Amino acid sequence: MRTQAPRLLADIGGTNARFALQVPGRRPARYRVLKTADHPGLGAAVAHYLALVRPARKPSVAAIAVAAPVLGDAVALTNSSWSFSAAAVARATGLTRLHVLNDFEVLAWALATFGRDDLRKIGRGRPVARAPAAVFGPGTGLGVSCFVPGAAGGPAALASEGGHASLAAGTSREAAVIEVLRKRFGHVSAERLLSGPGLANIYAALAQLDAAAPSVPMKPGTIARAAREGTDPRARETVAMFSALAGQFAGDLALTFGARGGVYVAGGVIPRLGDAFDTGLFRRRFEAKGRFGSWLRHVPTWLITHPRPAMPGLARYLDVM
């Protein structure tokens, strides 16, 4: 009996390109992580990965997640020098089908595949069957998407640039921080605070408000470590404000998308914050929507803990398409 050809899955970010092979009906396997800076482009990275794993049958179908808007054949990564034509990469690598998707659109596809071990619940609430579910993730930037299981014609994932929507303050201290950043950036989007660089922006704004601006800008990793260890009160305040604004933003997404299926939190920042991330404050601000507080009390929120969440999303997308 001839072995079924695997499908190529890839999750391409500004720093790392993660690859796997997946036979339909099975879990992704043969993971490898390549540094994007070590390869001139996507085609070269795909060829290098296939040379490393040497599959018995070369894949002819691929799905690739990219940290960038996908508006057509030409794709340019937001935080990398890579740019490519999907059609040209398919020809160069021998693929008959190549699907390129925004990375958070892929995470939206993954939501239906997660089990109990892939998630950590934050607060109360129960999902409504076949209702939309939202996902967002603070990382280098702030990604946003929505999964609509009951869409006409079948399940659908909505790509979005919601991370660039304007951010509102919920307290006078937050308003003061946003005003400092408005003078610096002009427009203060959610991403300006809810991201890795956002931690540094909050910290610097708090220092300026307290007339104690540091001589050297604090890096996000340093802020996270100081908050976890309790060695810097301003770092603790930074992470508390981050936790509150993340909850507020999650509540905004639940209302915007009607996401009674829940709101999921992804991205690399929150896991690095560890216990310093205030889940209680996150959930209180999630529900603090005045007349719609009672509506939001029933909407569940989760932190995605799956180590490679894009891979099941890519496989799910190929199963449906």
Foldseek 3Di string as FASTA:
>chain_A
DDDAAWEKEWEDALFKIWIFTHDPPDATDDIDIDTPVVDPEDLRVVVVSCVVVVDPDHHQHYEYEAQFDCDDQWTQGPNHRYIDGQVVSSVSRVHPYYHYYHLQLLLQLLPVVDDPVQWDWQAAAAFDPQAKEKEWEAEQFIFIKIWGQPDVPGIGIGGDPQQFAAADDDDPLSVQLVVVVCVVPVGHGNRCQRHQVNLQSSLQSVCVVVVRHDPDGDGSLNLLVCLVVVPDVSSLVSLLRNLLSQLLVQLVVCVVRVRSRAYEYEYDRVVSSPPSRDSVNSPVSSLPPPPCSVVSNNHIYIYGRPPDSSRSSRSSVVVVD
